[in-house]
Protein backbone atom coordinates (compact mmCIF):
# COMPACT_ATOMS: atom_id res chain seq x y z
CA MET A 1 54.91 -65.24 16.22
CA ILE A 2 57.75 -66.43 18.47
CA LYS A 3 60.08 -63.63 19.32
CA ASN A 4 63.51 -64.41 20.41
CA LYS A 5 65.69 -62.88 23.04
CA PRO A 6 68.81 -61.49 21.90
CA MET A 7 71.75 -63.69 22.76
CA ASN A 8 73.91 -61.15 24.51
CA GLU A 9 71.21 -60.83 27.16
CA PHE A 10 71.80 -64.23 28.82
CA PRO A 11 72.95 -63.86 32.20
CA VAL A 12 76.60 -65.15 32.63
CA LEU A 13 78.28 -66.87 35.26
CA ASP A 14 81.28 -65.52 37.44
CA SER A 15 84.08 -67.86 36.14
CA LYS A 16 86.07 -66.80 39.49
CA ARG A 17 83.61 -68.96 41.41
CA GLY A 18 83.76 -71.95 39.00
CA ILE A 19 81.83 -73.41 36.19
CA PRO A 20 79.51 -76.10 37.38
CA LEU A 21 78.37 -78.98 34.85
CA PHE A 22 74.63 -77.70 34.67
CA TYR A 23 72.83 -74.35 35.57
CA PRO A 24 69.29 -73.97 35.01
CA TYR A 25 68.09 -71.04 32.63
CA ILE A 26 65.04 -69.12 33.85
CA SER A 27 64.76 -65.68 32.09
CA SER A 28 63.14 -62.57 33.58
CA LEU A 29 60.43 -63.17 31.20
CA GLY A 30 59.83 -66.60 32.82
CA SER A 31 59.62 -65.18 36.19
CA LYS A 32 57.31 -62.41 35.24
CA MET A 33 54.91 -64.91 33.66
CA VAL A 34 54.92 -67.11 36.72
CA ASN A 35 54.20 -64.23 38.84
CA GLU A 36 51.24 -63.36 36.69
CA THR A 37 49.98 -66.74 37.07
CA LEU A 38 50.26 -66.75 40.71
CA SER A 39 48.04 -63.81 40.94
CA THR A 40 45.20 -65.63 39.02
CA ARG A 41 42.66 -68.25 39.82
CA TRP A 42 44.54 -71.06 38.25
CA ILE A 43 47.79 -72.45 39.58
CA GLY A 44 47.10 -76.15 38.90
CA GLN A 45 46.20 -77.63 35.34
CA GLY A 46 44.23 -74.77 33.69
CA PRO A 47 44.25 -72.43 30.51
CA LYS A 48 47.94 -72.05 30.67
CA VAL A 49 48.61 -75.72 30.19
CA ASP A 50 46.10 -75.67 27.20
CA LEU A 51 47.93 -72.68 25.80
CA PHE A 52 51.40 -74.28 26.19
CA GLU A 53 50.30 -77.41 24.32
CA LYS A 54 48.85 -75.18 21.53
CA LYS A 55 51.85 -73.18 21.00
CA PHE A 56 54.14 -76.05 21.36
CA ARG A 57 52.02 -77.95 18.38
CA LYS A 58 52.32 -74.78 16.41
CA PHE A 59 55.93 -74.20 16.82
CA TYR A 60 57.42 -77.67 16.70
CA LEU A 61 54.71 -79.78 15.10
CA ASN A 62 53.05 -77.54 12.51
CA ASN A 63 49.90 -78.43 14.17
CA LYS A 64 50.14 -81.90 12.60
CA LEU A 65 50.72 -83.93 15.83
CA GLN A 66 49.02 -84.00 19.15
CA ALA A 67 50.97 -82.63 22.28
CA ILE A 68 49.94 -83.44 25.87
CA ALA A 69 51.77 -81.56 28.62
CA VAL A 70 52.56 -83.76 31.85
CA GLY A 71 54.32 -83.58 34.91
CA SER A 72 57.79 -85.04 33.94
CA GLY A 73 59.36 -86.68 30.87
CA THR A 74 59.14 -90.08 32.85
CA ASP A 75 55.32 -89.44 33.05
CA ALA A 76 55.28 -88.93 29.27
CA LEU A 77 57.29 -92.21 28.81
CA HIS A 78 54.98 -94.25 30.92
CA LEU A 79 51.97 -92.92 28.87
CA ALA A 80 53.73 -93.73 25.63
CA TYR A 81 54.23 -97.19 26.63
CA LEU A 82 50.64 -97.67 27.63
CA LEU A 83 49.23 -96.04 24.55
CA ALA A 84 51.67 -98.34 22.43
CA ASP A 85 49.56 -101.14 24.11
CA ILE A 86 52.73 -102.55 25.71
CA LYS A 87 51.61 -105.19 28.29
CA LYS A 88 52.92 -107.40 30.98
CA GLY A 89 55.53 -109.75 29.38
CA ASP A 90 56.13 -107.89 26.27
CA GLU A 91 59.59 -107.00 25.21
CA VAL A 92 60.67 -103.47 24.22
CA LEU A 93 64.32 -102.90 22.69
CA ALA A 94 65.72 -100.12 25.01
CA PRO A 95 69.11 -98.47 25.41
CA VAL A 96 71.57 -100.08 27.83
CA PHE A 97 72.98 -96.63 28.12
CA THR A 98 70.49 -93.87 29.19
CA CYS A 99 68.90 -92.36 32.29
CA THR A 100 66.93 -94.80 34.00
CA ALA A 101 63.79 -92.93 33.40
CA THR A 102 63.67 -94.33 29.95
CA ASN A 103 63.37 -97.97 31.12
CA LEU A 104 61.88 -97.83 34.57
CA PRO A 105 58.26 -97.23 33.37
CA LEU A 106 58.58 -100.41 31.39
CA LEU A 107 58.67 -102.12 34.85
CA TYR A 108 55.65 -100.33 35.93
CA ILE A 109 53.72 -102.06 33.19
CA GLY A 110 55.56 -105.43 33.71
CA ALA A 111 57.30 -105.42 30.40
CA LYS A 112 60.86 -106.48 29.71
CA PRO A 113 63.45 -103.96 28.54
CA VAL A 114 65.72 -105.90 26.26
CA PHE A 115 69.03 -103.66 26.42
CA VAL A 116 70.72 -102.84 23.19
CA ASP A 117 74.42 -101.98 22.69
CA ILE A 118 75.59 -98.50 21.75
CA ASP A 119 76.81 -97.09 18.56
CA PRO A 120 80.31 -95.92 19.67
CA THR A 121 80.44 -92.74 17.58
CA THR A 122 77.00 -91.32 19.07
CA MET A 123 76.20 -93.60 22.32
CA ASN A 124 72.90 -93.99 20.74
CA LEU A 125 71.27 -97.46 19.72
CA ASN A 126 73.51 -99.69 17.57
CA ILE A 127 71.34 -100.74 14.56
CA GLU A 128 72.97 -104.17 14.15
CA ASP A 129 72.48 -105.17 17.75
CA ILE A 130 68.74 -104.15 17.55
CA GLU A 131 68.26 -106.57 14.54
CA LYS A 132 69.91 -109.42 16.40
CA LYS A 133 67.41 -108.93 19.38
CA ILE A 134 64.09 -108.63 17.95
CA THR A 135 61.83 -111.73 18.68
CA LYS A 136 58.29 -112.54 18.34
CA LYS A 137 57.65 -110.84 21.84
CA THR A 138 59.13 -107.39 20.70
CA LYS A 139 56.44 -104.84 20.82
CA ALA A 140 58.44 -101.63 20.37
CA ILE A 141 61.84 -99.87 20.10
CA VAL A 142 62.60 -96.90 22.36
CA CYS A 143 65.48 -94.72 21.28
CA VAL A 144 67.44 -91.83 23.12
CA ASP A 145 68.90 -89.12 21.18
CA TYR A 146 71.88 -88.80 23.42
CA GLY A 147 73.22 -85.28 24.14
CA GLY A 148 71.20 -84.08 21.17
CA VAL A 149 72.53 -86.18 18.36
CA PRO A 150 69.75 -88.02 16.88
CA ASN A 151 69.43 -91.76 15.96
CA ASN A 152 69.33 -93.20 12.34
CA TYR A 153 65.45 -92.68 12.24
CA LEU A 154 65.35 -93.87 8.58
CA LYS A 155 66.84 -97.33 9.47
CA LEU A 156 64.77 -97.48 12.72
CA ILE A 157 61.48 -96.85 10.90
CA SER A 158 62.46 -99.47 8.35
CA ILE A 159 63.01 -102.03 11.14
CA CYS A 160 59.83 -101.18 12.81
CA LYS A 161 57.73 -101.50 9.64
CA LYS A 162 59.27 -104.69 8.81
CA ASN A 163 58.52 -106.20 12.32
CA LYS A 164 55.14 -104.41 12.81
CA ILE A 165 56.30 -102.73 16.12
CA LYS A 166 56.18 -98.90 17.27
CA LEU A 167 58.79 -96.71 17.44
CA ILE A 168 59.08 -94.44 20.50
CA SER A 169 61.52 -91.78 20.86
CA ASP A 170 62.91 -90.29 24.02
CA ALA A 171 63.95 -86.83 23.19
CA ALA A 172 64.71 -85.75 26.57
CA HIS A 173 68.13 -84.47 25.30
CA SER A 174 67.16 -83.37 21.79
CA LEU A 175 64.42 -80.39 21.81
CA GLY A 176 65.46 -78.61 18.64
CA THR A 177 67.46 -81.33 17.01
CA LYS A 178 66.80 -81.95 13.43
CA TYR A 179 67.31 -85.23 11.47
CA LEU A 180 67.12 -84.95 7.71
CA ASN A 181 65.83 -81.42 8.26
CA LYS A 182 62.88 -82.57 10.35
CA TYR A 183 62.29 -82.87 14.11
CA ALA A 184 62.67 -86.42 15.44
CA CYS A 185 58.96 -86.37 16.32
CA LYS A 186 57.92 -86.60 12.76
CA TYR A 187 59.48 -90.00 12.54
CA SER A 188 58.21 -91.82 15.60
CA ASP A 189 54.70 -93.01 16.84
CA PHE A 190 55.47 -91.33 20.07
CA THR A 191 58.08 -88.91 21.21
CA ILE A 192 58.55 -87.44 24.68
CA PHE A 193 60.40 -84.19 25.66
CA SER A 194 61.70 -83.36 29.21
CA PHE A 195 61.37 -79.95 30.68
CA GLN A 196 63.30 -80.98 33.92
CA ALA A 197 65.31 -78.18 35.72
CA ILE A 198 68.56 -78.37 33.52
CA LYS A 199 67.00 -79.03 30.14
CA THR A 200 67.12 -76.98 27.01
CA LEU A 201 63.53 -75.67 27.85
CA THR A 202 62.81 -76.10 31.55
CA THR A 203 59.38 -75.66 33.46
CA GLY A 204 61.11 -76.56 36.74
CA ASP A 205 59.88 -79.97 35.93
CA GLY A 206 57.51 -81.25 33.19
CA GLY A 207 57.41 -83.16 30.03
CA MET A 208 55.59 -83.25 26.80
CA LEU A 209 54.04 -86.24 24.93
CA VAL A 210 53.75 -86.11 21.37
CA VAL A 211 51.45 -88.53 19.60
CA LYS A 212 51.21 -89.26 15.96
CA ASN A 213 47.74 -91.05 15.99
CA LYS A 214 45.19 -88.43 16.77
CA GLU A 215 42.63 -91.20 17.75
CA LEU A 216 44.76 -91.80 20.85
CA LEU A 217 44.49 -88.11 22.21
CA ALA A 218 41.31 -88.38 24.20
CA LYS A 219 42.76 -91.46 25.91
CA ALA A 220 46.02 -89.76 26.61
CA LYS A 221 44.40 -87.02 28.34
CA ARG A 222 42.19 -89.42 30.56
CA LEU A 223 45.12 -91.53 31.49
CA ARG A 224 46.80 -88.03 32.62
CA TRP A 225 44.11 -87.51 34.92
CA PHE A 226 42.97 -90.40 36.81
CA GLY A 227 40.88 -91.90 34.00
CA ILE A 228 38.57 -88.99 34.09
CA ASP A 229 37.36 -87.15 31.09
CA ARG A 230 37.98 -83.53 32.46
CA THR A 231 36.33 -81.84 29.55
CA GLN A 232 33.09 -83.56 30.17
CA LYS A 233 33.44 -83.01 33.73
CA GLN A 234 33.90 -79.50 33.65
CA LEU A 235 30.76 -79.36 31.25
CA GLY A 236 28.80 -81.02 33.79
CA ILE A 237 28.12 -84.08 31.43
CA TRP A 238 30.53 -86.61 32.72
CA GLU A 239 28.83 -89.76 33.69
CA ASN A 240 30.79 -90.01 36.73
CA ASP A 241 32.59 -93.25 36.16
CA ILE A 242 36.34 -94.18 35.83
CA LYS A 243 36.75 -97.35 33.52
CA GLU A 244 40.39 -97.25 33.09
CA LEU A 245 43.50 -96.89 35.39
CA GLY A 246 44.61 -93.45 35.27
CA TYR A 247 47.68 -91.33 36.85
CA LYS A 248 48.22 -87.84 38.20
CA TYR A 249 50.53 -86.91 35.37
CA GLN A 250 49.11 -83.48 34.62
CA MET A 251 51.29 -80.21 34.16
CA ASN A 252 50.07 -77.26 36.17
CA ASP A 253 49.91 -73.49 34.90
CA ILE A 254 52.84 -72.51 37.12
CA ALA A 255 55.17 -74.76 35.06
CA ALA A 256 53.14 -74.00 31.74
CA SER A 257 54.07 -70.23 32.38
CA LEU A 258 57.74 -71.03 32.23
CA GLY A 259 57.18 -73.33 29.13
CA LEU A 260 55.42 -70.43 27.35
CA ALA A 261 58.25 -67.98 28.20
CA GLY A 262 60.75 -70.83 26.97
CA LEU A 263 59.12 -71.26 23.59
CA LYS A 264 59.62 -67.39 22.98
CA GLU A 265 63.27 -67.85 23.63
CA ILE A 266 64.19 -71.45 22.42
CA ASN A 267 65.66 -70.64 19.30
CA ASN A 268 68.45 -68.61 20.78
CA ILE A 269 68.87 -70.84 23.67
CA VAL A 270 69.63 -73.59 21.14
CA LYS A 271 71.76 -71.22 19.00
CA LYS A 272 73.81 -70.39 22.09
CA ARG A 273 74.43 -74.12 22.87
CA VAL A 274 75.46 -74.75 19.37
CA LEU A 275 77.94 -71.89 19.49
CA LEU A 276 79.37 -73.26 22.76
CA PHE A 277 79.58 -76.83 21.22
CA LYS A 278 81.45 -75.43 18.18
CA GLU A 279 83.85 -73.65 20.35
CA TYR A 280 84.72 -76.89 22.08
CA GLU A 281 85.14 -78.62 18.68
CA LYS A 282 87.47 -75.52 17.62
CA ASN A 283 89.67 -75.66 20.62
CA LEU A 284 89.83 -79.16 22.04
CA ASN A 285 92.99 -80.62 20.48
CA HIS A 286 94.43 -83.18 22.87
CA LYS A 287 95.56 -86.55 21.43
CA TYR A 288 93.66 -88.27 24.19
CA ILE A 289 90.40 -86.64 23.74
CA LYS A 290 87.51 -87.22 21.33
CA ILE A 291 84.29 -85.50 21.11
CA ILE A 292 81.07 -87.78 20.94
CA GLY A 293 78.74 -86.68 17.78
CA GLN A 294 79.08 -83.28 16.11
CA SER A 295 77.42 -79.88 16.06
CA GLU A 296 76.24 -80.52 12.58
CA THR A 297 76.64 -83.00 9.71
CA LYS A 298 75.05 -83.75 6.45
CA GLU A 299 72.14 -85.82 8.13
CA TYR A 300 71.44 -83.77 11.18
CA LYS A 301 71.63 -80.40 13.17
CA ASN A 302 72.56 -81.03 16.89
CA SER A 303 70.60 -79.09 19.64
CA CYS A 304 73.67 -79.72 21.86
CA TRP A 305 72.28 -80.45 25.32
CA LEU A 306 75.43 -82.12 26.31
CA ILE A 307 78.94 -82.22 25.24
CA THR A 308 80.52 -85.56 26.02
CA VAL A 309 84.10 -86.37 25.28
CA LEU A 310 86.07 -89.84 25.41
CA VAL A 311 89.21 -89.66 27.49
CA GLU A 312 91.39 -92.35 26.30
CA LYS A 313 93.87 -92.18 29.33
CA ASN A 314 93.44 -91.58 33.10
CA LYS A 315 89.89 -90.03 32.90
CA ASN A 316 89.87 -89.67 36.65
CA SER A 317 92.91 -87.71 36.78
CA LEU A 318 91.46 -85.26 34.22
CA ILE A 319 88.28 -85.02 36.29
CA LYS A 320 90.50 -84.15 39.45
CA LYS A 321 92.57 -81.43 37.44
CA LEU A 322 89.42 -79.98 36.16
CA ARG A 323 88.00 -79.91 39.73
CA ARG A 324 91.17 -78.28 41.19
CA ASN A 325 90.60 -75.43 38.58
CA GLY A 326 86.97 -75.12 39.55
CA ILE A 327 85.39 -76.94 36.74
CA GLU A 328 82.91 -79.62 37.41
CA ALA A 329 82.71 -82.70 34.98
CA ALA A 330 81.01 -86.14 35.44
CA GLN A 331 79.57 -89.07 33.44
CA VAL A 332 75.86 -87.97 34.18
CA HIS A 333 74.15 -91.20 32.82
CA TYR A 334 75.36 -94.77 33.20
CA ARG A 335 74.59 -98.14 31.69
CA ASN A 336 71.32 -99.52 32.99
CA ASP A 337 72.43 -103.14 33.22
CA ARG A 338 74.52 -102.22 36.46
CA TYR A 339 71.34 -101.62 38.33
CA SER A 340 69.81 -104.54 40.26
CA ILE A 341 66.18 -103.45 39.67
CA PHE A 342 66.65 -104.71 35.97
CA GLY A 343 67.58 -108.22 37.10
CA LYS A 344 70.26 -110.26 35.57
CA VAL A 345 70.74 -109.00 32.13
CA LYS A 346 71.79 -111.40 29.39
CA GLY A 347 73.93 -110.70 26.41
CA LYS A 348 77.05 -108.90 25.43
CA PHE A 349 77.58 -105.21 25.18
CA ASP A 350 81.13 -104.84 23.58
CA ASN A 351 80.78 -101.01 22.65
CA MET A 352 79.46 -100.11 26.11
CA ASP A 353 82.21 -102.16 27.76
CA LYS A 354 84.88 -100.30 25.63
CA LEU A 355 83.59 -96.76 26.35
CA GLU A 356 82.25 -97.38 29.92
CA ASP A 357 85.38 -96.08 31.65
CA LYS A 358 86.15 -93.30 29.05
CA TYR A 359 83.29 -90.94 28.74
CA LEU A 360 82.95 -87.64 30.45
CA VAL A 361 80.58 -84.76 30.12
CA LEU A 362 81.83 -81.28 29.96
CA PRO A 363 79.77 -77.96 31.08
CA LEU A 364 77.65 -76.47 28.35
CA TYR A 365 74.69 -74.21 29.08
CA PRO A 366 73.39 -70.64 27.94
CA ARG A 367 75.03 -68.66 30.93
CA MET A 368 78.34 -69.78 29.87
CA LYS A 369 80.76 -67.61 27.94
CA LEU A 370 82.91 -68.53 24.80
CA THR A 371 85.94 -67.65 27.08
CA ASP A 372 84.61 -70.33 29.57
CA VAL A 373 84.97 -72.90 26.97
CA LYS A 374 88.36 -71.77 25.97
CA LYS A 375 89.41 -71.86 29.52
CA ILE A 376 88.33 -75.41 29.89
CA CYS A 377 89.86 -76.43 26.59
CA LYS A 378 93.16 -75.01 27.66
CA ILE A 379 93.18 -76.88 30.81
CA ILE A 380 92.60 -80.10 29.02
CA ASN A 381 95.02 -79.44 26.21
CA SER A 382 97.75 -78.92 28.72
CA GLY A 383 97.54 -82.56 29.90
CA TRP A 384 96.71 -84.12 33.25
């Protein structure tokens, strides 16, 4: 049974020294479990990784889906693309607005990311633009639940079934988010989570790949470890041959120890994030400010990894004012068609063009106090 840490035990920041945009949360329990691991025989991939996968499956997946712990969310995405049988020359519909980690692994394979415009209310995939860009070469759709707000999974599933393509969910932002009262991984063929330093649950760095098709589990584990069947190797019955290209994508027991601690606390971590988000919703009332997404609607419950606002006038002036008051704010992610690595990108992105110079991410993490949010809102509401 997962036991939750009381919310009033989160260490808080000294607001006199400023409020940074992000701050990792590592509890005393996490430090204790890491130290215990450091005193054992296993610090690489060992029993703690297996236990973390098992606990994650029980907690988030009701033991109905497969979970493979890896070294990063990017590792998980690359494996998902390989397991989805995406090959050189295939097209994958992908967000124009996301961390580059969503799209770069497609280039590893030689596949082509076909960028999709954003929904201006959520900054997630624009369904209408998806339907315009599907071709005979389209092999999959990859979506990102930006900030913790889920995509419209019912429509995405319908599109994927109609066109016989795979749905891959980059849930790096949305651990704990629910859409129609189910976690996003219940809808997609593949779902990845990120446990990078500042994510909702952190293992320092790390990720999890969730696979719907159980028959792919053994292959996923081989690809995670150089193409080697570690189970057979450890039993001494491996035939000592590598038949497929594998990678060094495994998680280690030190990281898994942090993950196990995080699972014990995750419900209250999410609750604290939601509480802070709602405090922003309650207090932000400047006429030039609009919050992207909501903490909760009839369709979804947001896990609130980020709070992003649209600033309709003089965004840079607001950033400067916040920083003069010791508050960090930034854009965090950028449109990917700006990067030369993706080549010359064709097509229009009208919604992205409209919001490109307006969006801004404000601080939100468990160490913050409600008074920190009120302070930020008061500064913004006073104008810039």
